[in-house]
Amino acid sequence: MNTLRLLLGSFLTFSCAVAAFLFSGCATSNPTEVSTEKVDFVSQVKPILEERCVMCHNRTAMPERTSFETGKLALKGDAQGPVILPGKADDSRLMMAISSPDIHEKAMPPVSLRVSAGEKAVLRRWINEGAHWPEGADGRLEVDYIPRE
């Protein structure tokens, strides 16, 4: 009887030790852990918008649509209303457009310039953090587009 009790106690102790070891890393190494640092417009958001958006969404190429040349223009939106709703990424037309399937007519940008999952995450966080867009040179996007013939 004592041997059985000793074996059972050892088994339970061993099982608890293994469980503690296996679960000890769960709280500290979460790969989806959200950064507590705010998204930086100049180093993180601006390059995405310059690479994927402003070549078409500017006052010259598409004067009737939202321009991403400056924050004031981008946050103003177009005749359909704002494209970016600070604090509300899920309701922002920008997030809807870049998250649409490639075959959807409102999918932006075109297939060859699609926004990566990582870039979408940056834009989503930036919008949810209030979509701060600095004024001046830091907030002005360079338009590098091919003129229409």
N, C-alpha and C. Protein backbone atom coordinates (compact mmCIF):
# COMPACT_ATOMS: atom_id res chain seq x y z
N MET A 1 0.82 -1.19 0.00
CA MET A 1 0.00 0.00 0.00
C MET A 1 0.86 1.25 0.00
N ASN A 2 1.92 1.24 0.83
CA ASN A 2 2.82 2.39 0.88
C ASN A 2 3.53 2.58 -0.45
N THR A 3 3.86 1.49 -1.14
CA THR A 3 4.53 1.58 -2.43
C THR A 3 3.59 2.21 -3.46
N LEU A 4 2.34 1.82 -3.44
CA LEU A 4 1.36 2.39 -4.37
C LEU A 4 1.18 3.88 -4.11
N ARG A 5 1.08 4.25 -2.84
CA ARG A 5 0.93 5.66 -2.48
C ARG A 5 2.17 6.45 -2.90
N LEU A 6 3.34 5.89 -2.73
CA LEU A 6 4.59 6.54 -3.11
C LEU A 6 4.65 6.73 -4.63
N LEU A 7 4.26 5.68 -5.39
CA LEU A 7 4.25 5.78 -6.85
C LEU A 7 3.24 6.82 -7.33
N LEU A 8 2.05 6.81 -6.74
CA LEU A 8 1.02 7.76 -7.12
C LEU A 8 1.46 9.19 -6.80
N GLY A 9 2.05 9.40 -5.66
CA GLY A 9 2.55 10.72 -5.27
C GLY A 9 3.65 11.19 -6.21
N SER A 10 4.55 10.27 -6.55
CA SER A 10 5.64 10.62 -7.47
C SER A 10 5.09 10.97 -8.85
N PHE A 11 4.10 10.19 -9.32
CA PHE A 11 3.50 10.44 -10.62
C PHE A 11 2.83 11.81 -10.65
N LEU A 12 2.06 12.14 -9.60
CA LEU A 12 1.39 13.44 -9.54
C LEU A 12 2.40 14.59 -9.48
N THR A 13 3.44 14.43 -8.70
CA THR A 13 4.47 15.46 -8.61
C THR A 13 5.14 15.66 -9.96
N PHE A 14 5.48 14.56 -10.62
CA PHE A 14 6.12 14.62 -11.94
C PHE A 14 5.18 15.29 -12.95
N SER A 15 3.90 14.91 -12.93
CA SER A 15 2.92 15.48 -13.87
C SER A 15 2.77 16.98 -13.66
N CYS A 16 2.71 17.41 -12.43
CA CYS A 16 2.59 18.84 -12.14
C CYS A 16 3.84 19.60 -12.58
N ALA A 17 5.00 19.00 -12.38
CA ALA A 17 6.25 19.63 -12.80
C ALA A 17 6.30 19.78 -14.32
N VAL A 18 5.89 18.74 -15.04
CA VAL A 18 5.87 18.79 -16.51
C VAL A 18 4.89 19.85 -16.99
N ALA A 19 3.70 19.88 -16.40
CA ALA A 19 2.69 20.86 -16.79
C ALA A 19 3.20 22.29 -16.52
N ALA A 20 3.81 22.50 -15.38
CA ALA A 20 4.34 23.82 -15.05
C ALA A 20 5.42 24.23 -16.05
N PHE A 21 6.28 23.30 -16.41
CA PHE A 21 7.33 23.57 -17.39
C PHE A 21 6.74 23.92 -18.75
N LEU A 22 5.77 23.13 -19.20
CA LEU A 22 5.18 23.35 -20.52
C LEU A 22 4.42 24.67 -20.60
N PHE A 23 3.71 25.03 -19.55
CA PHE A 23 2.91 26.24 -19.58
C PHE A 23 3.67 27.49 -19.15
N SER A 24 4.88 27.34 -18.64
CA SER A 24 5.63 28.50 -18.16
C SER A 24 5.98 29.47 -19.28
N GLY A 25 6.18 28.99 -20.49
CA GLY A 25 6.53 29.86 -21.61
C GLY A 25 5.34 30.52 -22.26
N CYS A 26 4.14 30.07 -21.97
CA CYS A 26 2.96 30.60 -22.65
C CYS A 26 2.74 32.08 -22.39
N ALA A 27 2.94 32.53 -21.20
CA ALA A 27 2.65 33.93 -20.89
C ALA A 27 3.76 34.86 -21.33
N THR A 28 4.97 34.36 -21.49
CA THR A 28 6.08 35.25 -21.80
C THR A 28 6.47 35.30 -23.26
N SER A 29 6.12 34.30 -24.04
CA SER A 29 6.57 34.30 -25.44
C SER A 29 5.39 34.19 -26.40
N ASN A 30 4.48 35.11 -26.29
CA ASN A 30 3.31 35.12 -27.15
C ASN A 30 3.66 35.84 -28.45
N PRO A 31 3.71 35.14 -29.60
CA PRO A 31 4.09 35.79 -30.84
C PRO A 31 3.09 36.81 -31.34
N THR A 32 1.85 36.76 -30.86
CA THR A 32 0.86 37.73 -31.30
C THR A 32 0.71 38.88 -30.31
N GLU A 33 1.62 38.95 -29.36
CA GLU A 33 1.57 40.00 -28.35
C GLU A 33 1.63 41.37 -29.02
N VAL A 34 0.74 42.27 -28.63
CA VAL A 34 0.66 43.59 -29.22
C VAL A 34 1.68 44.50 -28.56
N SER A 35 2.41 45.23 -29.36
CA SER A 35 3.40 46.17 -28.85
C SER A 35 2.69 47.30 -28.11
N THR A 36 3.33 47.77 -27.05
CA THR A 36 2.76 48.89 -26.31
C THR A 36 3.22 50.22 -26.89
N GLU A 37 4.20 50.19 -27.80
CA GLU A 37 4.67 51.42 -28.42
C GLU A 37 3.69 51.86 -29.50
N LYS A 38 3.48 53.17 -29.57
CA LYS A 38 2.58 53.72 -30.60
C LYS A 38 3.22 53.58 -31.97
N VAL A 39 2.37 53.43 -32.96
CA VAL A 39 2.84 53.37 -34.34
C VAL A 39 3.39 54.74 -34.71
N ASP A 40 4.56 54.76 -35.34
CA ASP A 40 5.18 56.00 -35.77
C ASP A 40 4.79 56.28 -37.22
N PHE A 41 4.15 57.42 -37.45
CA PHE A 41 3.68 57.74 -38.80
C PHE A 41 4.84 57.79 -39.79
N VAL A 42 5.89 58.53 -39.47
CA VAL A 42 6.97 58.76 -40.42
C VAL A 42 7.69 57.48 -40.81
N SER A 43 8.01 56.63 -39.85
CA SER A 43 8.80 55.43 -40.17
C SER A 43 7.96 54.21 -40.52
N GLN A 44 6.69 54.18 -40.11
CA GLN A 44 5.89 52.98 -40.35
C GLN A 44 4.71 53.19 -41.31
N VAL A 45 3.98 54.27 -41.16
CA VAL A 45 2.77 54.48 -41.96
C VAL A 45 3.08 55.17 -43.29
N LYS A 46 3.84 56.23 -43.24
CA LYS A 46 4.16 57.01 -44.44
C LYS A 46 4.73 56.14 -45.56
N PRO A 47 5.69 55.25 -45.29
CA PRO A 47 6.22 54.42 -46.38
C PRO A 47 5.15 53.53 -47.04
N ILE A 48 4.21 53.03 -46.25
CA ILE A 48 3.14 52.19 -46.81
C ILE A 48 2.26 53.03 -47.73
N LEU A 49 1.84 54.20 -47.25
CA LEU A 49 0.96 55.06 -48.05
C LEU A 49 1.67 55.57 -49.30
N GLU A 50 2.96 55.86 -49.20
CA GLU A 50 3.71 56.32 -50.38
C GLU A 50 3.88 55.19 -51.39
N GLU A 51 4.12 53.99 -50.91
CA GLU A 51 4.36 52.85 -51.80
C GLU A 51 3.07 52.31 -52.41
N ARG A 52 1.97 52.36 -51.67
CA ARG A 52 0.75 51.67 -52.09
C ARG A 52 -0.43 52.58 -52.48
N CYS A 53 -0.44 53.84 -52.06
CA CYS A 53 -1.66 54.64 -52.22
C CYS A 53 -1.52 55.94 -53.00
N VAL A 54 -0.54 56.75 -52.63
CA VAL A 54 -0.52 58.13 -53.11
C VAL A 54 -0.23 58.28 -54.60
N MET A 55 0.30 57.26 -55.24
CA MET A 55 0.57 57.38 -56.68
C MET A 55 -0.73 57.54 -57.47
N CYS A 56 -1.82 57.02 -56.95
CA CYS A 56 -3.14 57.19 -57.58
C CYS A 56 -3.99 58.19 -56.79
N HIS A 57 -3.93 58.10 -55.47
CA HIS A 57 -4.77 58.95 -54.63
C HIS A 57 -4.06 60.26 -54.31
N ASN A 58 -4.02 61.12 -55.35
CA ASN A 58 -3.48 62.46 -55.20
C ASN A 58 -4.35 63.41 -56.00
N ARG A 59 -4.16 64.70 -55.79
CA ARG A 59 -5.04 65.71 -56.41
C ARG A 59 -4.88 65.78 -57.93
N THR A 60 -3.77 65.31 -58.47
CA THR A 60 -3.57 65.37 -59.91
C THR A 60 -4.16 64.15 -60.61
N ALA A 61 -3.83 62.97 -60.12
CA ALA A 61 -4.27 61.73 -60.78
C ALA A 61 -5.76 61.48 -60.63
N MET A 62 -6.29 61.74 -59.44
CA MET A 62 -7.71 61.47 -59.17
C MET A 62 -8.29 62.60 -58.33
N PRO A 63 -8.51 63.75 -58.93
CA PRO A 63 -8.96 64.90 -58.13
C PRO A 63 -10.30 64.71 -57.43
N GLU A 64 -11.13 63.81 -57.93
CA GLU A 64 -12.45 63.59 -57.31
C GLU A 64 -12.40 62.60 -56.14
N ARG A 65 -11.29 61.94 -55.95
CA ARG A 65 -11.16 60.93 -54.89
C ARG A 65 -10.31 61.46 -53.74
N THR A 66 -10.24 60.69 -52.68
CA THR A 66 -9.43 61.05 -51.53
C THR A 66 -7.97 61.17 -51.93
N SER A 67 -7.33 62.25 -51.47
CA SER A 67 -5.90 62.43 -51.70
C SER A 67 -5.15 62.07 -50.43
N PHE A 68 -4.06 61.34 -50.58
CA PHE A 68 -3.21 60.98 -49.45
C PHE A 68 -1.96 61.85 -49.40
N GLU A 69 -1.98 63.00 -50.06
CA GLU A 69 -0.81 63.87 -50.09
C GLU A 69 -0.51 64.48 -48.72
N THR A 70 -1.55 64.82 -47.97
CA THR A 70 -1.38 65.38 -46.62
C THR A 70 -2.44 64.79 -45.70
N GLY A 71 -2.21 64.92 -44.43
CA GLY A 71 -3.17 64.42 -43.46
C GLY A 71 -4.50 65.12 -43.55
N LYS A 72 -4.46 66.44 -43.74
CA LYS A 72 -5.70 67.21 -43.83
C LYS A 72 -6.57 66.70 -44.98
N LEU A 73 -5.95 66.45 -46.14
CA LEU A 73 -6.70 65.95 -47.30
C LEU A 73 -7.18 64.52 -47.08
N ALA A 74 -6.32 63.68 -46.52
CA ALA A 74 -6.68 62.27 -46.32
C ALA A 74 -7.81 62.12 -45.31
N LEU A 75 -7.74 62.87 -44.22
CA LEU A 75 -8.76 62.75 -43.18
C LEU A 75 -10.08 63.41 -43.60
N LYS A 76 -10.01 64.35 -44.55
CA LYS A 76 -11.23 64.97 -45.08
C LYS A 76 -12.02 63.97 -45.90
N GLY A 77 -11.32 63.16 -46.70
CA GLY A 77 -12.00 62.17 -47.52
C GLY A 77 -12.46 62.73 -48.84
N ASP A 78 -13.58 62.18 -49.34
CA ASP A 78 -14.10 62.59 -50.65
C ASP A 78 -15.62 62.76 -50.55
N ALA A 79 -16.30 62.76 -51.67
CA ALA A 79 -17.75 62.95 -51.68
C ALA A 79 -18.49 61.88 -50.89
N GLN A 80 -17.88 60.71 -50.74
CA GLN A 80 -18.51 59.62 -49.99
C GLN A 80 -18.22 59.72 -48.49
N GLY A 81 -17.41 60.69 -48.10
CA GLY A 81 -17.08 60.87 -46.70
C GLY A 81 -15.64 60.49 -46.40
N PRO A 82 -15.30 60.49 -45.12
CA PRO A 82 -13.92 60.18 -44.72
C PRO A 82 -13.54 58.73 -45.05
N VAL A 83 -12.28 58.54 -45.37
CA VAL A 83 -11.75 57.21 -45.64
C VAL A 83 -11.11 56.65 -44.38
N ILE A 84 -10.60 57.54 -43.55
CA ILE A 84 -9.96 57.16 -42.29
C ILE A 84 -10.79 57.73 -41.15
N LEU A 85 -11.23 56.87 -40.25
CA LEU A 85 -11.98 57.29 -39.07
C LEU A 85 -11.08 57.05 -37.85
N PRO A 86 -10.39 58.09 -37.35
CA PRO A 86 -9.49 57.90 -36.22
C PRO A 86 -10.16 57.17 -35.06
N GLY A 87 -9.49 56.13 -34.59
CA GLY A 87 -10.00 55.33 -33.48
C GLY A 87 -10.94 54.22 -33.89
N LYS A 88 -11.28 54.14 -35.18
CA LYS A 88 -12.26 53.16 -35.65
C LYS A 88 -11.78 52.47 -36.92
N ALA A 89 -10.75 51.66 -36.81
CA ALA A 89 -10.20 50.98 -37.99
C ALA A 89 -11.24 50.12 -38.69
N ASP A 90 -12.04 49.41 -37.93
CA ASP A 90 -13.02 48.51 -38.54
C ASP A 90 -14.08 49.25 -39.36
N ASP A 91 -14.32 50.51 -39.05
CA ASP A 91 -15.31 51.31 -39.78
C ASP A 91 -14.68 52.18 -40.87
N SER A 92 -13.36 52.18 -40.96
CA SER A 92 -12.66 53.02 -41.93
C SER A 92 -12.67 52.39 -43.31
N ARG A 93 -13.05 53.21 -44.30
CA ARG A 93 -13.08 52.72 -45.68
C ARG A 93 -11.70 52.28 -46.15
N LEU A 94 -10.65 52.90 -45.63
CA LEU A 94 -9.29 52.49 -46.00
C LEU A 94 -9.07 51.02 -45.66
N MET A 95 -9.41 50.62 -44.44
CA MET A 95 -9.21 49.23 -44.03
C MET A 95 -10.11 48.29 -44.82
N MET A 96 -11.33 48.73 -45.12
CA MET A 96 -12.23 47.89 -45.91
C MET A 96 -11.66 47.67 -47.31
N ALA A 97 -11.11 48.74 -47.91
CA ALA A 97 -10.58 48.64 -49.27
C ALA A 97 -9.35 47.74 -49.34
N ILE A 98 -8.44 47.88 -48.38
CA ILE A 98 -7.21 47.08 -48.44
C ILE A 98 -7.44 45.65 -47.95
N SER A 99 -8.57 45.41 -47.32
CA SER A 99 -8.89 44.06 -46.83
C SER A 99 -9.82 43.30 -47.76
N SER A 100 -10.32 43.95 -48.80
CA SER A 100 -11.23 43.29 -49.75
C SER A 100 -10.48 42.25 -50.56
N PRO A 101 -11.18 41.18 -50.96
CA PRO A 101 -10.54 40.18 -51.83
C PRO A 101 -10.09 40.83 -53.14
N ASP A 102 -9.06 40.27 -53.74
CA ASP A 102 -8.50 40.82 -54.99
C ASP A 102 -9.55 41.00 -56.08
N ILE A 103 -10.55 40.14 -56.11
CA ILE A 103 -11.53 40.19 -57.18
C ILE A 103 -12.64 41.22 -56.93
N HIS A 104 -12.69 41.78 -55.73
CA HIS A 104 -13.72 42.76 -55.39
C HIS A 104 -13.43 44.08 -56.08
N GLU A 105 -14.45 44.73 -56.60
CA GLU A 105 -14.26 45.97 -57.36
C GLU A 105 -13.69 47.11 -56.53
N LYS A 106 -13.89 47.08 -55.22
CA LYS A 106 -13.38 48.14 -54.37
C LYS A 106 -12.04 47.79 -53.73
N ALA A 107 -11.46 46.67 -54.11
CA ALA A 107 -10.17 46.26 -53.55
C ALA A 107 -9.10 47.25 -53.96
N MET A 108 -8.35 47.71 -53.00
CA MET A 108 -7.26 48.64 -53.24
C MET A 108 -6.05 48.16 -52.45
N PRO A 109 -4.88 48.47 -52.92
CA PRO A 109 -4.56 48.92 -54.27
C PRO A 109 -4.67 47.76 -55.25
N PRO A 110 -4.35 48.02 -56.53
CA PRO A 110 -4.43 46.94 -57.51
C PRO A 110 -3.60 45.73 -57.09
N VAL A 111 -3.91 44.59 -57.64
CA VAL A 111 -3.30 43.32 -57.24
C VAL A 111 -1.78 43.37 -57.14
N SER A 112 -1.13 44.02 -58.07
CA SER A 112 0.34 44.04 -58.06
C SER A 112 0.92 44.83 -56.89
N LEU A 113 0.12 45.64 -56.23
CA LEU A 113 0.59 46.47 -55.12
C LEU A 113 -0.12 46.16 -53.81
N ARG A 114 -0.72 44.99 -53.69
CA ARG A 114 -1.52 44.66 -52.51
C ARG A 114 -0.74 44.89 -51.22
N VAL A 115 -1.47 45.29 -50.20
CA VAL A 115 -0.91 45.56 -48.88
C VAL A 115 -0.72 44.23 -48.15
N SER A 116 0.46 44.03 -47.58
CA SER A 116 0.75 42.78 -46.88
C SER A 116 0.00 42.73 -45.55
N ALA A 117 -0.06 41.55 -44.97
CA ALA A 117 -0.73 41.38 -43.67
C ALA A 117 -0.06 42.24 -42.60
N GLY A 118 1.26 42.31 -42.64
CA GLY A 118 1.99 43.14 -41.67
C GLY A 118 1.68 44.62 -41.84
N GLU A 119 1.60 45.07 -43.08
CA GLU A 119 1.26 46.47 -43.35
C GLU A 119 -0.17 46.78 -42.91
N LYS A 120 -1.07 45.85 -43.14
CA LYS A 120 -2.46 46.04 -42.69
C LYS A 120 -2.51 46.17 -41.18
N ALA A 121 -1.73 45.36 -40.49
CA ALA A 121 -1.70 45.42 -39.02
C ALA A 121 -1.19 46.78 -38.54
N VAL A 122 -0.17 47.30 -39.20
CA VAL A 122 0.37 48.62 -38.84
C VAL A 122 -0.70 49.69 -39.06
N LEU A 123 -1.34 49.67 -40.21
CA LEU A 123 -2.38 50.67 -40.51
C LEU A 123 -3.55 50.55 -39.54
N ARG A 124 -3.95 49.33 -39.22
CA ARG A 124 -5.06 49.11 -38.28
C ARG A 124 -4.71 49.70 -36.91
N ARG A 125 -3.51 49.41 -36.42
CA ARG A 125 -3.09 49.94 -35.11
C ARG A 125 -3.03 51.46 -35.14
N TRP A 126 -2.46 52.00 -36.23
CA TRP A 126 -2.32 53.45 -36.36
C TRP A 126 -3.70 54.13 -36.32
N ILE A 127 -4.65 53.59 -37.06
CA ILE A 127 -6.00 54.17 -37.06
C ILE A 127 -6.63 54.04 -35.68
N ASN A 128 -6.53 52.88 -35.07
CA ASN A 128 -7.12 52.68 -33.74
C ASN A 128 -6.47 53.57 -32.68
N GLU A 129 -5.20 53.94 -32.90
CA GLU A 129 -4.50 54.83 -31.97
C GLU A 129 -4.85 56.30 -32.20
N GLY A 130 -5.70 56.58 -33.19
CA GLY A 130 -6.12 57.96 -33.44
C GLY A 130 -5.67 58.52 -34.77
N ALA A 131 -4.94 57.75 -35.56
CA ALA A 131 -4.50 58.15 -36.90
C ALA A 131 -3.79 59.51 -36.89
N HIS A 132 -2.85 59.67 -35.97
CA HIS A 132 -2.08 60.92 -35.91
C HIS A 132 -1.27 61.08 -37.20
N TRP A 133 -1.45 62.21 -37.88
CA TRP A 133 -0.76 62.50 -39.14
C TRP A 133 -0.11 63.86 -38.96
N PRO A 134 1.21 63.91 -38.83
CA PRO A 134 1.87 65.19 -38.58
C PRO A 134 1.73 66.17 -39.74
N GLU A 135 1.87 67.44 -39.42
CA GLU A 135 1.85 68.47 -40.46
C GLU A 135 3.28 68.70 -40.94
N GLY A 136 3.43 69.51 -41.97
CA GLY A 136 4.75 69.84 -42.49
C GLY A 136 5.34 68.71 -43.32
N ALA A 137 6.66 68.75 -43.47
CA ALA A 137 7.36 67.79 -44.34
C ALA A 137 7.15 66.34 -43.88
N ASP A 138 7.11 66.10 -42.58
CA ASP A 138 6.93 64.73 -42.08
C ASP A 138 5.59 64.14 -42.51
N GLY A 139 4.59 64.99 -42.67
CA GLY A 139 3.26 64.51 -43.02
C GLY A 139 2.92 64.62 -44.49
N ARG A 140 3.83 65.14 -45.28
CA ARG A 140 3.58 65.29 -46.73
C ARG A 140 4.12 64.07 -47.46
N LEU A 141 3.27 63.43 -48.23
CA LEU A 141 3.68 62.25 -48.99
C LEU A 141 4.17 62.64 -50.37
N GLU A 142 5.23 61.99 -50.80
CA GLU A 142 5.79 62.24 -52.12
C GLU A 142 4.97 61.50 -53.17
N VAL A 143 4.53 62.22 -54.17
CA VAL A 143 3.76 61.62 -55.25
C VAL A 143 4.72 61.17 -56.33
N ASP A 144 4.79 59.87 -56.53
CA ASP A 144 5.65 59.30 -57.56
C ASP A 144 4.77 58.44 -58.44
N TYR A 145 4.17 59.06 -59.44
CA TYR A 145 3.23 58.33 -60.29
C TYR A 145 3.62 58.50 -61.75
N ILE A 146 3.10 57.63 -62.56
CA ILE A 146 3.33 57.69 -64.00
C ILE A 146 2.17 58.46 -64.61
N PRO A 147 2.43 59.60 -65.24
CA PRO A 147 1.34 60.39 -65.82
C PRO A 147 0.56 59.59 -66.86
N ARG A 148 -0.75 59.82 -66.91
CA ARG A 148 -1.59 59.16 -67.91
C ARG A 148 -1.33 59.77 -69.28
N GLU A 149 -1.38 58.94 -70.32
CA GLU A 149 -1.15 59.43 -71.68
C GLU A 149 -2.44 59.84 -72.32
